[in-house]
Amino acid sequence: MEINLKKIKAQALKDIQAIKDSKEWQKIEKKYFSRKSGELAKLLKDIKDVSEDLRPKLGALANEIKIEITNALAQKKADLDLQTESELEKDFIDVTLEIEKYKLGHLHPMTQVQYELEDIFKSMGFMILDGPELESDYYNFEALNIPSWHPARDMQDTFFIESKDKLVLRTHTSPVQVRAMQKYGAPFRGVVPGRCFRNEATDASHEHTFYQMEGLMIDKNISIANLIAVMKELLKGIFKRDVEVRLRPGYFPFVEPGFELDIKCLICGGKGCSVCKQTGWLELLPCGMVHPNVLKYGGIDPDKWSGFAFGLGTTRLVMMKYGIDDIRLLQSGDLRFLNQF
């Protein structure tokens, strides 16, 4: 009995020393002092069965061991409470302190203008469409009347993907013209905002990644007059004022006749700067009547239907709207620049 009491004492002190949290403390206390299954409680009950001459000695020893284990548990609990209090002090938060207000983000100027454009065109009955940025050579060139041998491809050098499907990063949003005609037929009105890519040197007005908004209107008896009316409504809606424009002949394989719609540079007021290449005018909106071959690729009979298409340079439009003199700022990620909008 005496040996067992001493063994329990040694094991209990060892277990108490290894306790790391309150759950372990409760587990050890129950292990030795539980009324039904506690190891020390069981031995204390067995003392009544020993001989009367040994009972006082063992009783005193058992009581001494019980007190020692109880004190060790109490000391460990105090240490754990102190440790917990210390951890709480580290995590303490003074809710009365004033903190710096969170800085909320906002839409990029490109996105802001895109949403404005979409609202303007929706008010004129146009659908808002989307298309793949990784485009096939067929839709990016062939179906737009630009066969592989055509020199017009040199004007739209892009990034080619090594694959059997002849994939390219689209050079314009125009491929969606043919996709839309194949899907919806005629009559049709739609615009396609999106990102485009070209392999070219960058400067104040050119970037390898930029944004366009393609527009297409197919119906009977569509003429250049319809094209000009829509373009004027567009520019008035986005700039909130009258903008001086000029229409001059331009060549694009997918329209015939083709035009360049220029606006007087809003950066320099027409005096000449790096953005407008010192001309006072900025090419903003290539447009024209949809080429019969493109209508055929879209599954539409050019003898019954006609239409106009345009490719609005939304990146340049943003520059004009906000007076930005370098296109590279828009994708620089510089918060000093972006926080102005």
C-alpha atoms as a PDB file:
ATOM      1  CA  MET A   1       0.000   0.000   0.000  1.00  0.00           C
ATOM      2  CA  GLU A   2       2.769   2.439   0.959  1.00  0.00           C
ATOM      3  CA  ILE A   3       4.660   1.688  -2.256  1.00  0.00           C
ATOM      4  CA  ASN A   4       1.522   2.254  -4.333  1.00  0.00           C
ATOM      5  CA  LEU A   5       0.861   5.600  -2.630  1.00  0.00           C
ATOM      6  CA  LYS A   6       4.386   6.796  -3.414  1.00  0.00           C
ATOM      7  CA  LYS A   7       4.115   5.614  -7.035  1.00  0.00           C
ATOM      8  CA  ILE A   8       0.858   7.531  -7.475  1.00  0.00           C
ATOM      9  CA  LYS A   9       2.465  10.621  -5.950  1.00  0.00           C
ATOM     10  CA  ALA A  10       5.445  10.474  -8.319  1.00  0.00           C
ATOM     11  CA  GLN A  11       3.252   9.886 -11.385  1.00  0.00           C
ATOM     12  CA  ALA A  12       0.770  12.606 -10.402  1.00  0.00           C
ATOM     13  CA  LEU A  13       3.480  15.240  -9.945  1.00  0.00           C
ATOM     14  CA  LYS A  14       4.973  14.243 -13.312  1.00  0.00           C
ATOM     15  CA  ASP A  15       1.562  14.514 -15.030  1.00  0.00           C
ATOM     16  CA  ILE A  16       0.874  17.894 -13.415  1.00  0.00           C
ATOM     17  CA  GLN A  17       4.237  19.234 -14.587  1.00  0.00           C
ATOM     18  CA  ALA A  18       3.375  18.296 -18.189  1.00  0.00           C
ATOM     19  CA  ILE A  19       0.006  20.098 -18.210  1.00  0.00           C
ATOM     20  CA  LYS A  20      -0.179  22.791 -20.955  1.00  0.00           C
ATOM     21  CA  ASP A  21      -3.764  24.076 -20.855  1.00  0.00           C
ATOM     22  CA  SER A  22      -6.951  24.039 -18.784  1.00  0.00           C
ATOM     23  CA  LYS A  23      -8.361  21.009 -20.584  1.00  0.00           C
ATOM     24  CA  GLU A  24      -5.358  18.908 -19.627  1.00  0.00           C
ATOM     25  CA  TRP A  25      -5.579  20.252 -16.055  1.00  0.00           C
ATOM     26  CA  GLN A  26      -9.184  19.099 -15.738  1.00  0.00           C
ATOM     27  CA  LYS A  27      -8.274  15.720 -17.183  1.00  0.00           C
ATOM     28  CA  ILE A  28      -5.476  15.165 -14.605  1.00  0.00           C
ATOM     29  CA  GLU A  29      -7.628  16.323 -11.697  1.00  0.00           C
ATOM     30  CA  LYS A  30     -10.310  13.845 -12.703  1.00  0.00           C
ATOM     31  CA  LYS A  31      -7.716  11.105 -13.127  1.00  0.00           C
ATOM     32  CA  TYR A  32      -6.612  11.288  -9.465  1.00  0.00           C
ATOM     33  CA  PHE A  33      -9.554  12.771  -7.554  1.00  0.00           C
ATOM     34  CA  SER A  34     -12.703  11.538  -9.302  1.00  0.00           C
ATOM     35  CA  ARG A  35     -14.929   9.877  -6.686  1.00  0.00           C
ATOM     36  CA  LYS A  36     -15.672   6.848  -8.806  1.00  0.00           C
ATOM     37  CA  SER A  37     -12.565   6.323 -10.930  1.00  0.00           C
ATOM     38  CA  GLY A  38      -9.866   8.539  -9.351  1.00  0.00           C
ATOM     39  CA  GLU A  39      -6.677   6.574  -8.676  1.00  0.00           C
ATOM     40  CA  LEU A  40      -5.919   8.308  -5.372  1.00  0.00           C
ATOM     41  CA  ALA A  41      -9.554   8.035  -4.261  1.00  0.00           C
ATOM     42  CA  LYS A  42      -9.449   4.261  -4.850  1.00  0.00           C
ATOM     43  CA  LEU A  43      -6.352   3.809  -2.673  1.00  0.00           C
ATOM     44  CA  LEU A  44      -7.809   5.921   0.112  1.00  0.00           C
ATOM     45  CA  LYS A  45     -10.845   3.664   0.151  1.00  0.00           C
ATOM     46  CA  ASP A  46      -8.609   0.586   0.464  1.00  0.00           C
ATOM     47  CA  ILE A  47      -6.958   1.872   3.670  1.00  0.00           C
ATOM     48  CA  LYS A  48      -9.888   0.601   5.744  1.00  0.00           C
ATOM     49  CA  ASP A  49      -8.983  -2.951   4.731  1.00  0.00           C
ATOM     50  CA  VAL A  50      -5.408  -2.908   6.146  1.00  0.00           C
ATOM     51  CA  SER A  51      -4.541  -4.010   9.671  1.00  0.00           C
ATOM     52  CA  GLU A  52      -5.342  -1.631  12.519  1.00  0.00           C
ATOM     53  CA  ASP A  53      -1.697  -1.129  13.497  1.00  0.00           C
ATOM     54  CA  LEU A  54      -0.721   0.062   9.964  1.00  0.00           C
ATOM     55  CA  ARG A  55      -3.872   2.079   9.315  1.00  0.00           C
ATOM     56  CA  PRO A  56      -2.805   5.309  11.168  1.00  0.00           C
ATOM     57  CA  LYS A  57       0.580   5.413   9.392  1.00  0.00           C
ATOM     58  CA  LEU A  58      -0.869   4.812   5.945  1.00  0.00           C
ATOM     59  CA  GLY A  59      -3.699   7.249   6.598  1.00  0.00           C
ATOM     60  CA  ALA A  60      -1.258   9.993   7.506  1.00  0.00           C
ATOM     61  CA  LEU A  61       0.873   9.245   4.422  1.00  0.00           C
ATOM     62  CA  ALA A  62      -2.152   9.199   2.130  1.00  0.00           C
ATOM     63  CA  ASN A  63      -3.388  12.515   3.524  1.00  0.00           C
ATOM     64  CA  GLU A  64       0.072  14.037   3.071  1.00  0.00           C
ATOM     65  CA  ILE A  65       0.223  12.849  -0.556  1.00  0.00           C
ATOM     66  CA  LYS A  66      -3.310  14.103  -1.239  1.00  0.00           C
ATOM     67  CA  ILE A  67      -2.389  17.569   0.072  1.00  0.00           C
ATOM     68  CA  GLU A  68       0.829  17.634  -1.972  1.00  0.00           C
ATOM     69  CA  ILE A  69      -0.958  16.672  -5.193  1.00  0.00           C
ATOM     70  CA  THR A  70      -3.767  19.147  -4.479  1.00  0.00           C
ATOM     71  CA  ASN A  71      -1.243  21.953  -3.919  1.00  0.00           C
ATOM     72  CA  ALA A  72       0.610  21.045  -7.119  1.00  0.00           C
ATOM     73  CA  LEU A  73      -2.662  21.183  -9.077  1.00  0.00           C
ATOM     74  CA  ALA A  74      -3.565  24.534  -7.503  1.00  0.00           C
ATOM     75  CA  GLN A  75      -0.158  25.983  -8.377  1.00  0.00           C
ATOM     76  CA  LYS A  76      -0.438  24.722 -11.956  1.00  0.00           C
ATOM     77  CA  LYS A  77      -3.904  26.249 -12.318  1.00  0.00           C
ATOM     78  CA  ALA A  78      -2.566  29.594 -11.090  1.00  0.00           C
ATOM     79  CA  ASP A  79       0.269  29.414 -13.633  1.00  0.00           C
ATOM     80  CA  LEU A  80      -2.184  28.629 -16.436  1.00  0.00           C
ATOM     81  CA  ASP A  81      -4.489  31.512 -15.441  1.00  0.00           C
ATOM     82  CA  LEU A  82      -1.514  33.885 -15.421  1.00  0.00           C
ATOM     83  CA  GLN A  83      -0.427  32.662 -18.845  1.00  0.00           C
ATOM     84  CA  THR A  84      -3.955  33.103 -20.221  1.00  0.00           C
ATOM     85  CA  GLU A  85      -4.168  36.616 -18.820  1.00  0.00           C
ATOM     86  CA  SER A  86      -0.830  37.474 -20.414  1.00  0.00           C
ATOM     87  CA  GLU A  87      -2.026  36.213 -23.800  1.00  0.00           C
ATOM     88  CA  LEU A  88      -5.222  38.243 -23.476  1.00  0.00           C
ATOM     89  CA  GLU A  89      -3.188  41.366 -22.750  1.00  0.00           C
ATOM     90  CA  LYS A  90      -1.216  40.800 -25.941  1.00  0.00           C
ATOM     91  CA  ASP A  91      -4.439  40.490 -27.944  1.00  0.00           C
ATOM     92  CA  PHE A  92      -6.146  43.375 -26.195  1.00  0.00           C
ATOM     93  CA  ILE A  93      -7.869  45.839 -28.470  1.00  0.00           C
ATOM     94  CA  ASP A  94      -8.872  49.247 -27.242  1.00  0.00           C
ATOM     95  CA  VAL A  95     -12.140  49.794 -29.092  1.00  0.00           C
ATOM     96  CA  THR A  96     -12.218  53.440 -28.008  1.00  0.00           C
ATOM     97  CA  LEU A  97      -9.144  54.316 -30.066  1.00  0.00           C
ATOM     98  CA  GLU A  98      -9.653  56.124 -33.368  1.00  0.00           C
ATOM     99  CA  ILE A  99      -8.309  54.152 -36.319  1.00  0.00           C
ATOM    100  CA  GLU A 100      -7.482  55.145 -39.851  1.00  0.00           C
ATOM    101  CA  LYS A 101     -10.536  54.880 -42.068  1.00  0.00           C
ATOM    102  CA  TYR A 102     -10.520  52.161 -44.674  1.00  0.00           C
ATOM    103  CA  LYS A 103      -9.744  53.407 -48.150  1.00  0.00           C
ATOM    104  CA  LEU A 104     -12.410  52.104 -50.490  1.00  0.00           C
ATOM    105  CA  GLY A 105     -11.493  51.229 -54.037  1.00  0.00           C
ATOM    106  CA  HIS A 106     -13.302  52.484 -57.119  1.00  0.00           C
ATOM    107  CA  LEU A 107     -13.719  51.583 -60.756  1.00  0.00           C
ATOM    108  CA  HIS A 108     -10.819  52.110 -63.138  1.00  0.00           C
ATOM    109  CA  PRO A 109     -11.403  55.049 -65.534  1.00  0.00           C
ATOM    110  CA  MET A 110     -11.488  52.557 -68.422  1.00  0.00           C
ATOM    111  CA  THR A 111     -14.314  50.662 -66.732  1.00  0.00           C
ATOM    112  CA  GLN A 112     -16.184  53.855 -65.887  1.00  0.00           C
ATOM    113  CA  VAL A 113     -16.173  54.992 -69.516  1.00  0.00           C
ATOM    114  CA  GLN A 114     -17.060  51.511 -70.782  1.00  0.00           C
ATOM    115  CA  TYR A 115     -20.156  51.442 -68.577  1.00  0.00           C
ATOM    116  CA  GLU A 116     -21.134  54.906 -69.824  1.00  0.00           C
ATOM    117  CA  LEU A 117     -20.771  53.761 -73.428  1.00  0.00           C
ATOM    118  CA  GLU A 118     -22.832  50.649 -72.787  1.00  0.00           C
ATOM    119  CA  ASP A 119     -25.630  52.769 -71.296  1.00  0.00           C
ATOM    120  CA  ILE A 120     -25.579  55.101 -74.304  1.00  0.00           C
ATOM    121  CA  PHE A 121     -25.810  52.254 -76.809  1.00  0.00           C
ATOM    122  CA  LYS A 122     -28.447  50.357 -74.821  1.00  0.00           C
ATOM    123  CA  SER A 123     -30.577  53.508 -74.975  1.00  0.00           C
ATOM    124  CA  MET A 124     -30.328  53.253 -78.801  1.00  0.00           C
ATOM    125  CA  GLY A 125     -31.395  49.593 -78.832  1.00  0.00           C
ATOM    126  CA  PHE A 126     -27.958  47.939 -79.115  1.00  0.00           C
ATOM    127  CA  MET A 127     -27.110  44.638 -77.414  1.00  0.00           C
ATOM    128  CA  ILE A 128     -23.923  44.346 -75.333  1.00  0.00           C
ATOM    129  CA  LEU A 129     -21.889  41.366 -76.540  1.00  0.00           C
ATOM    130  CA  ASP A 130     -18.622  39.678 -75.647  1.00  0.00           C
ATOM    131  CA  GLY A 131     -16.134  37.460 -77.453  1.00  0.00           C
ATOM    132  CA  PRO A 132     -12.908  35.499 -76.884  1.00  0.00           C
ATOM    133  CA  GLU A 133      -9.614  37.358 -76.491  1.00  0.00           C
ATOM    134  CA  LEU A 134      -7.755  34.271 -77.742  1.00  0.00           C
ATOM    135  CA  GLU A 135      -9.207  34.214 -81.215  1.00  0.00           C
ATOM    136  CA  SER A 136      -8.850  32.002 -84.268  1.00  0.00           C
ATOM    137  CA  ASP A 137      -7.033  33.260 -87.349  1.00  0.00           C
ATOM    138  CA  TYR A 138     -10.266  32.670 -89.249  1.00  0.00           C
ATOM    139  CA  TYR A 139     -12.445  35.064 -87.249  1.00  0.00           C
ATOM    140  CA  ASN A 140      -9.690  37.625 -86.614  1.00  0.00           C
ATOM    141  CA  PHE A 141      -8.616  37.871 -90.262  1.00  0.00           C
ATOM    142  CA  GLU A 142     -10.186  35.533 -92.852  1.00  0.00           C
ATOM    143  CA  ALA A 143     -13.854  36.165 -92.060  1.00  0.00           C
ATOM    144  CA  LEU A 144     -13.154  39.907 -92.024  1.00  0.00           C
ATOM    145  CA  ASN A 145     -11.981  39.875 -95.644  1.00  0.00           C
ATOM    146  CA  ILE A 146      -8.284  39.719 -94.709  1.00  0.00           C
ATOM    147  CA  PRO A 147      -6.925  36.495 -96.271  1.00  0.00           C
ATOM    148  CA  SER A 148      -3.441  35.214 -95.404  1.00  0.00           C
ATOM    149  CA  TRP A 149      -1.828  36.865 -98.458  1.00  0.00           C
ATOM    150  CA  HIS A 150      -3.433  40.284 -97.816  1.00  0.00           C
ATOM    151  CA  PRO A 151      -0.985  43.138 -97.009  1.00  0.00           C
ATOM    152  CA  ALA A 152      -3.512  44.595 -94.521  1.00  0.00           C
ATOM    153  CA  ARG A 153      -2.296  41.991 -92.038  1.00  0.00           C
ATOM    154  CA  ASP A 154       0.925  43.953 -91.682  1.00  0.00           C
ATOM    155  CA  MET A 155      -1.059  46.783 -90.053  1.00  0.00           C
ATOM    156  CA  GLN A 156      -2.238  44.435 -87.307  1.00  0.00           C
ATOM    157  CA  ASP A 157       0.825  42.486 -86.239  1.00  0.00           C
ATOM    158  CA  THR A 158      -0.157  40.538 -83.159  1.00  0.00           C
ATOM    159  CA  PHE A 159       0.949  37.748 -80.833  1.00  0.00           C
ATOM    160  CA  PHE A 160       0.561  34.307 -82.393  1.00  0.00           C
ATOM    161  CA  ILE A 161       0.021  31.151 -80.353  1.00  0.00           C
ATOM    162  CA  GLU A 162       1.831  27.984 -81.420  1.00  0.00           C
ATOM    163  CA  SER A 163      -1.046  25.576 -82.021  1.00  0.00           C
ATOM    164  CA  LYS A 164      -2.619  23.584 -84.831  1.00  0.00           C
ATOM    165  CA  ASP A 165      -5.736  25.792 -84.599  1.00  0.00           C
ATOM    166  CA  LYS A 166      -3.880  28.988 -85.622  1.00  0.00           C
ATOM    167  CA  LEU A 167      -4.798  31.003 -82.554  1.00  0.00           C
ATOM    168  CA  VAL A 168      -3.886  34.665 -82.050  1.00  0.00           C
ATOM    169  CA  LEU A 169      -4.459  37.319 -79.421  1.00  0.00           C
ATOM    170  CA  ARG A 170      -7.161  39.317 -81.162  1.00  0.00           C
ATOM    171  CA  THR A 171      -6.035  42.570 -82.754  1.00  0.00           C
ATOM    172  CA  HIS A 172      -9.501  44.149 -82.588  1.00  0.00           C
ATOM    173  CA  THR A 173     -13.006  43.376 -81.343  1.00  0.00           C
ATOM    174  CA  SER A 174     -14.208  43.046 -84.974  1.00  0.00           C
ATOM    175  CA  PRO A 175     -14.194  39.193 -84.961  1.00  0.00           C
ATOM    176  CA  VAL A 176     -17.402  39.344 -82.921  1.00  0.00           C
ATOM    177  CA  GLN A 177     -19.079  40.964 -85.945  1.00  0.00           C
ATOM    178  CA  VAL A 178     -19.124  37.665 -87.812  1.00  0.00           C
ATOM    179  CA  ARG A 179     -19.867  35.624 -84.686  1.00  0.00           C
ATOM    180  CA  ALA A 180     -22.874  37.862 -83.929  1.00  0.00           C
ATOM    181  CA  MET A 181     -24.236  37.712 -87.489  1.00  0.00           C
ATOM    182  CA  GLN A 182     -23.938  33.915 -87.490  1.00  0.00           C
ATOM    183  CA  LYS A 183     -25.790  33.695 -84.174  1.00  0.00           C
ATOM    184  CA  TYR A 184     -28.458  36.404 -84.464  1.00  0.00           C
ATOM    185  CA  GLY A 185     -28.864  37.006 -88.194  1.00  0.00           C
ATOM    186  CA  ALA A 186     -30.506  40.220 -89.403  1.00  0.00           C
ATOM    187  CA  PRO A 187     -31.737  42.768 -88.443  1.00  0.00           C
ATOM    188  CA  PHE A 188     -29.182  43.283 -85.714  1.00  0.00           C
ATOM    189  CA  ARG A 189     -27.712  45.970 -83.421  1.00  0.00           C
ATOM    190  CA  GLY A 190     -24.858  45.283 -81.042  1.00  0.00           C
ATOM    191  CA  VAL A 191     -21.644  46.606 -79.509  1.00  0.00           C
ATOM    192  CA  VAL A 192     -18.683  44.633 -78.228  1.00  0.00           C
ATOM    193  CA  PRO A 193     -16.431  46.206 -75.581  1.00  0.00           C
ATOM    194  CA  GLY A 194     -13.176  44.411 -74.894  1.00  0.00           C
ATOM    195  CA  ARG A 195      -9.414  44.163 -74.704  1.00  0.00           C
ATOM    196  CA  CYS A 196      -7.189  43.880 -77.780  1.00  0.00           C
ATOM    197  CA  PHE A 197      -3.504  43.231 -78.408  1.00  0.00           C
ATOM    198  CA  ARG A 198      -0.930  44.263 -80.990  1.00  0.00           C
ATOM    199  CA  ASN A 199       2.778  43.688 -81.253  1.00  0.00           C
ATOM    200  CA  GLU A 200       4.002  47.247 -81.607  1.00  0.00           C
ATOM    201  CA  ALA A 201       6.306  49.759 -79.980  1.00  0.00           C
ATOM    202  CA  THR A 202       4.719  51.796 -77.211  1.00  0.00           C
ATOM    203  CA  ASP A 203       4.675  55.567 -76.938  1.00  0.00           C
ATOM    204  CA  ALA A 204       2.367  58.280 -75.581  1.00  0.00           C
ATOM    205  CA  SER A 205      -0.502  57.197 -77.846  1.00  0.00           C
ATOM    206  CA  HIS A 206       0.258  53.497 -78.576  1.00  0.00           C
ATOM    207  CA  GLU A 207       0.186  50.476 -76.282  1.00  0.00           C
ATOM    208  CA  HIS A 208       0.508  46.722 -76.870  1.00  0.00           C
ATOM    209  CA  THR A 209      -2.687  46.140 -74.843  1.00  0.00           C
ATOM    210  CA  PHE A 210      -5.641  48.467 -75.314  1.00  0.00           C
ATOM    211  CA  TYR A 211      -9.445  48.575 -75.328  1.00  0.00           C
ATOM    212  CA  GLN A 212     -11.953  48.932 -78.148  1.00  0.00           C
ATOM    213  CA  MET A 213     -15.688  48.913 -78.578  1.00  0.00           C
ATOM    214  CA  GLU A 214     -16.891  47.353 -81.799  1.00  0.00           C
ATOM    215  CA  GLY A 215     -20.298  48.374 -83.110  1.00  0.00           C
ATOM    216  CA  LEU A 216     -22.471  46.760 -85.772  1.00  0.00           C
ATOM    217  CA  MET A 217     -25.878  47.593 -87.187  1.00  0.00           C
ATOM    218  CA  ILE A 218     -27.516  45.436 -89.874  1.00  0.00           C
ATOM    219  CA  ASP A 219     -30.891  46.220 -91.425  1.00  0.00           C
ATOM    220  CA  LYS A 220     -32.508  47.151 -94.708  1.00  0.00           C
ATOM    221  CA  ASN A 221     -31.524  50.432 -96.383  1.00  0.00           C
ATOM    222  CA  ILE A 222     -28.799  51.322 -93.845  1.00  0.00           C
ATOM    223  CA  SER A 223     -26.624  54.176 -95.148  1.00  0.00           C
ATOM    224  CA  ILE A 224     -23.710  56.391 -94.148  1.00  0.00           C
ATOM    225  CA  ALA A 225     -26.248  58.896 -92.792  1.00  0.00           C
ATOM    226  CA  ASN A 226     -27.272  56.332 -90.136  1.00  0.00           C
ATOM    227  CA  LEU A 227     -23.607  55.813 -89.252  1.00  0.00           C
ATOM    228  CA  ILE A 228     -22.928  59.542 -88.781  1.00  0.00           C
ATOM    229  CA  ALA A 229     -26.095  60.028 -86.693  1.00  0.00           C
ATOM    230  CA  VAL A 230     -25.126  57.222 -84.289  1.00  0.00           C
ATOM    231  CA  MET A 231     -21.556  58.485 -83.994  1.00  0.00           C
ATOM    232  CA  LYS A 232     -22.686  62.028 -83.157  1.00  0.00           C
ATOM    233  CA  GLU A 233     -25.064  60.715 -80.506  1.00  0.00           C
ATOM    234  CA  LEU A 234     -22.250  58.637 -79.055  1.00  0.00           C
ATOM    235  CA  LEU A 235     -19.745  61.498 -78.789  1.00  0.00           C
ATOM    236  CA  LYS A 236     -22.313  63.911 -77.389  1.00  0.00           C
ATOM    237  CA  GLY A 237     -23.312  61.373 -74.755  1.00  0.00           C
ATOM    238  CA  ILE A 238     -19.786  60.591 -73.596  1.00  0.00           C
ATOM    239  CA  PHE A 239     -18.277  64.101 -73.633  1.00  0.00           C
ATOM    240  CA  LYS A 240     -21.437  65.904 -72.480  1.00  0.00           C
ATOM    241  CA  ARG A 241     -20.746  68.626 -75.033  1.00  0.00           C
ATOM    242  CA  ASP A 242     -20.385  69.170 -78.760  1.00  0.00           C
ATOM    243  CA  VAL A 243     -17.082  67.872 -80.126  1.00  0.00           C
ATOM    244  CA  GLU A 244     -15.588  68.979 -83.425  1.00  0.00           C
ATOM    245  CA  VAL A 245     -15.195  65.988 -85.730  1.00  0.00           C
ATOM    246  CA  ARG A 246     -14.098  65.279 -89.271  1.00  0.00           C
ATOM    247  CA  LEU A 247     -14.787  62.324 -91.545  1.00  0.00           C
ATOM    248  CA  ARG A 248     -12.139  61.347 -94.049  1.00  0.00           C
ATOM    249  CA  PRO A 249     -11.694  58.329 -96.326  1.00  0.00           C
ATOM    250  CA  GLY A 250      -9.900  55.377 -94.758  1.00  0.00           C
ATOM    251  CA  TYR A 251      -9.093  51.834 -95.773  1.00  0.00           C
ATOM    252  CA  PHE A 252     -10.242  48.817 -93.791  1.00  0.00           C
ATOM    253  CA  PRO A 253     -10.735  45.484 -95.579  1.00  0.00           C
ATOM    254  CA  PHE A 254     -13.978  44.675 -93.754  1.00  0.00           C
ATOM    255  CA  VAL A 255     -15.852  47.874 -94.708  1.00  0.00           C
ATOM    256  CA  GLU A 256     -16.575  49.511 -98.077  1.00  0.00           C
ATOM    257  CA  PRO A 257     -16.530  52.484 -98.188  1.00  0.00           C
ATOM    258  CA  GLY A 258     -14.377  53.071 -95.115  1.00  0.00           C
ATOM    259  CA  PHE A 259     -13.817  56.221 -93.089  1.00  0.00           C
ATOM    260  CA  GLU A 260     -11.705  57.623 -90.290  1.00  0.00           C
ATOM    261  CA  LEU A 261     -13.700  59.666 -87.811  1.00  0.00           C
ATOM    262  CA  ASP A 262     -11.321  62.051 -86.064  1.00  0.00           C
ATOM    263  CA  ILE A 263     -12.001  64.430 -83.191  1.00  0.00           C
ATOM    264  CA  LYS A 264     -10.159  67.653 -82.475  1.00  0.00           C
ATOM    265  CA  CYS A 265      -7.604  66.868 -79.779  1.00  0.00           C
ATOM    266  CA  LEU A 266      -9.039  67.762 -76.382  1.00  0.00           C
ATOM    267  CA  ILE A 267      -5.593  67.684 -74.778  1.00  0.00           C
ATOM    268  CA  CYS A 268      -4.143  70.587 -76.751  1.00  0.00           C
ATOM    269  CA  GLY A 269      -7.333  72.061 -78.215  1.00  0.00           C
ATOM    270  CA  GLY A 270      -6.105  71.393 -81.752  1.00  0.00           C
ATOM    271  CA  LYS A 271      -2.756  73.160 -81.360  1.00  0.00           C
ATOM    272  CA  GLY A 272      -0.701  69.956 -81.616  1.00  0.00           C
ATOM    273  CA  CYS A 273       0.847  67.709 -78.950  1.00  0.00           C
ATOM    274  CA  SER A 274       2.494  64.298 -78.505  1.00  0.00           C
ATOM    275  CA  VAL A 275      -0.875  62.555 -78.208  1.00  0.00           C
ATOM    276  CA  CYS A 276      -2.204  63.832 -81.550  1.00  0.00           C
ATOM    277  CA  LYS A 277       1.286  63.705 -83.112  1.00  0.00           C
ATOM    278  CA  GLN A 278       1.278  67.493 -83.520  1.00  0.00           C
ATOM    279  CA  THR A 279      -1.650  67.360 -85.976  1.00  0.00           C
ATOM    280  CA  GLY A 280      -4.368  68.740 -83.716  1.00  0.00           C
ATOM    281  CA  TRP A 281      -6.603  65.775 -84.592  1.00  0.00           C
ATOM    282  CA  LEU A 282      -6.871  62.313 -83.064  1.00  0.00           C
ATOM    283  CA  GLU A 283      -7.987  59.209 -84.924  1.00  0.00           C
ATOM    284  CA  LEU A 284     -10.751  57.857 -82.729  1.00  0.00           C
ATOM    285  CA  LEU A 285     -13.274  55.893 -84.678  1.00  0.00           C
ATOM    286  CA  PRO A 286     -12.554  53.868 -87.845  1.00  0.00           C
ATOM    287  CA  CYS A 287     -15.884  53.029 -89.449  1.00  0.00           C
ATOM    288  CA  GLY A 288     -17.699  52.286 -92.668  1.00  0.00           C
ATOM    289  CA  MET A 289     -20.338  50.207 -94.424  1.00  0.00           C
ATOM    290  CA  VAL A 290     -19.961  46.473 -93.841  1.00  0.00           C
ATOM    291  CA  HIS A 291     -18.218  44.801 -96.793  1.00  0.00           C
ATOM    292  CA  PRO A 292     -20.472  42.366 -98.738  1.00  0.00           C
ATOM    293  CA  ASN A 293     -17.921  39.585 -98.226  1.00  0.00           C
ATOM    294  CA  VAL A 294     -18.140  40.002 -94.444  1.00  0.00           C
ATOM    295  CA  LEU A 295     -21.939  39.823 -94.621  1.00  0.00           C
ATOM    296  CA  LYS A 296     -21.591  36.565 -96.551  1.00  0.00           C
ATOM    297  CA  TYR A 297     -19.203  35.140 -93.944  1.00  0.00           C
ATOM    298  CA  GLY A 298     -21.854  36.003 -91.361  1.00  0.00           C
ATOM    299  CA  GLY A 299     -24.527  34.145 -93.336  1.00  0.00           C
ATOM    300  CA  ILE A 300     -26.385  37.313 -94.428  1.00  0.00           C
ATOM    301  CA  ASP A 301     -27.412  38.091 -98.024  1.00  0.00           C
ATOM    302  CA  PRO A 302     -25.736  41.434 -99.015  1.00  0.00           C
ATOM    303  CA  ASP A 303     -28.388  41.948-101.746  1.00  0.00           C
ATOM    304  CA  LYS A 304     -31.124  42.213 -99.104  1.00  0.00           C
ATOM    305  CA  TRP A 305     -29.321  43.667 -96.117  1.00  0.00           C
ATOM    306  CA  SER A 306     -26.729  46.362 -95.468  1.00  0.00           C
ATOM    307  CA  GLY A 307     -25.069  47.731 -92.374  1.00  0.00           C
ATOM    308  CA  PHE A 308     -22.376  49.839 -90.821  1.00  0.00           C
ATOM    309  CA  ALA A 309     -19.588  48.952 -88.399  1.00  0.00           C
ATOM    310  CA  PHE A 310     -17.190  50.978 -86.283  1.00  0.00           C
ATOM    311  CA  GLY A 311     -14.292  50.287 -83.968  1.00  0.00           C
ATOM    312  CA  LEU A 312     -14.180  52.861 -81.191  1.00  0.00           C
ATOM    313  CA  GLY A 313     -10.820  53.210 -79.457  1.00  0.00           C
ATOM    314  CA  THR A 314     -12.090  53.416 -75.881  1.00  0.00           C
ATOM    315  CA  THR A 315      -8.596  53.822 -74.468  1.00  0.00           C
ATOM    316  CA  ARG A 316      -8.063  56.981 -76.512  1.00  0.00           C
ATOM    317  CA  LEU A 317     -11.568  58.106 -75.662  1.00  0.00           C
ATOM    318  CA  VAL A 318     -10.679  57.902 -71.956  1.00  0.00           C
ATOM    319  CA  MET A 319      -7.563  59.974 -72.622  1.00  0.00           C
ATOM    320  CA  MET A 320      -9.628  62.670 -74.314  1.00  0.00           C
ATOM    321  CA  LYS A 321     -12.353  62.637 -71.674  1.00  0.00           C
ATOM    322  CA  TYR A 322      -9.976  63.035 -68.712  1.00  0.00           C
ATOM    323  CA  GLY A 323      -7.104  64.898 -70.371  1.00  0.00           C
ATOM    324  CA  ILE A 324      -4.551  62.066 -70.012  1.00  0.00           C
ATOM    325  CA  ASP A 325      -1.461  62.748 -72.098  1.00  0.00           C
ATOM    326  CA  ASP A 326       0.179  59.301 -71.980  1.00  0.00           C
ATOM    327  CA  ILE A 327      -1.666  56.039 -72.720  1.00  0.00           C
ATOM    328  CA  ARG A 328       0.831  54.031 -70.673  1.00  0.00           C
ATOM    329  CA  LEU A 329      -0.444  55.577 -67.439  1.00  0.00           C
ATOM    330  CA  LEU A 330      -3.749  53.694 -67.722  1.00  0.00           C
ATOM    331  CA  GLN A 331      -2.183  50.288 -67.144  1.00  0.00           C
ATOM    332  CA  SER A 332       0.735  51.354 -64.976  1.00  0.00           C
ATOM    333  CA  GLY A 333      -0.981  50.388 -61.713  1.00  0.00           C
ATOM    334  CA  ASP A 334       0.185  53.672 -60.182  1.00  0.00           C
ATOM    335  CA  LEU A 335      -2.281  54.557 -57.407  1.00  0.00           C
ATOM    336  CA  ARG A 336      -1.165  58.192 -57.476  1.00  0.00           C
ATOM    337  CA  PHE A 337      -2.601  58.328 -60.970  1.00  0.00           C
ATOM    338  CA  LEU A 338      -5.674  56.106 -60.464  1.00  0.00           C
ATOM    339  CA  ASN A 339      -6.836  57.826 -57.271  1.00  0.00           C
ATOM    340  CA  GLN A 340      -7.606  60.943 -59.307  1.00  0.00           C
ATOM    341  CA  PHE A 341     -10.667  59.292 -60.845  1.00  0.00           C
END
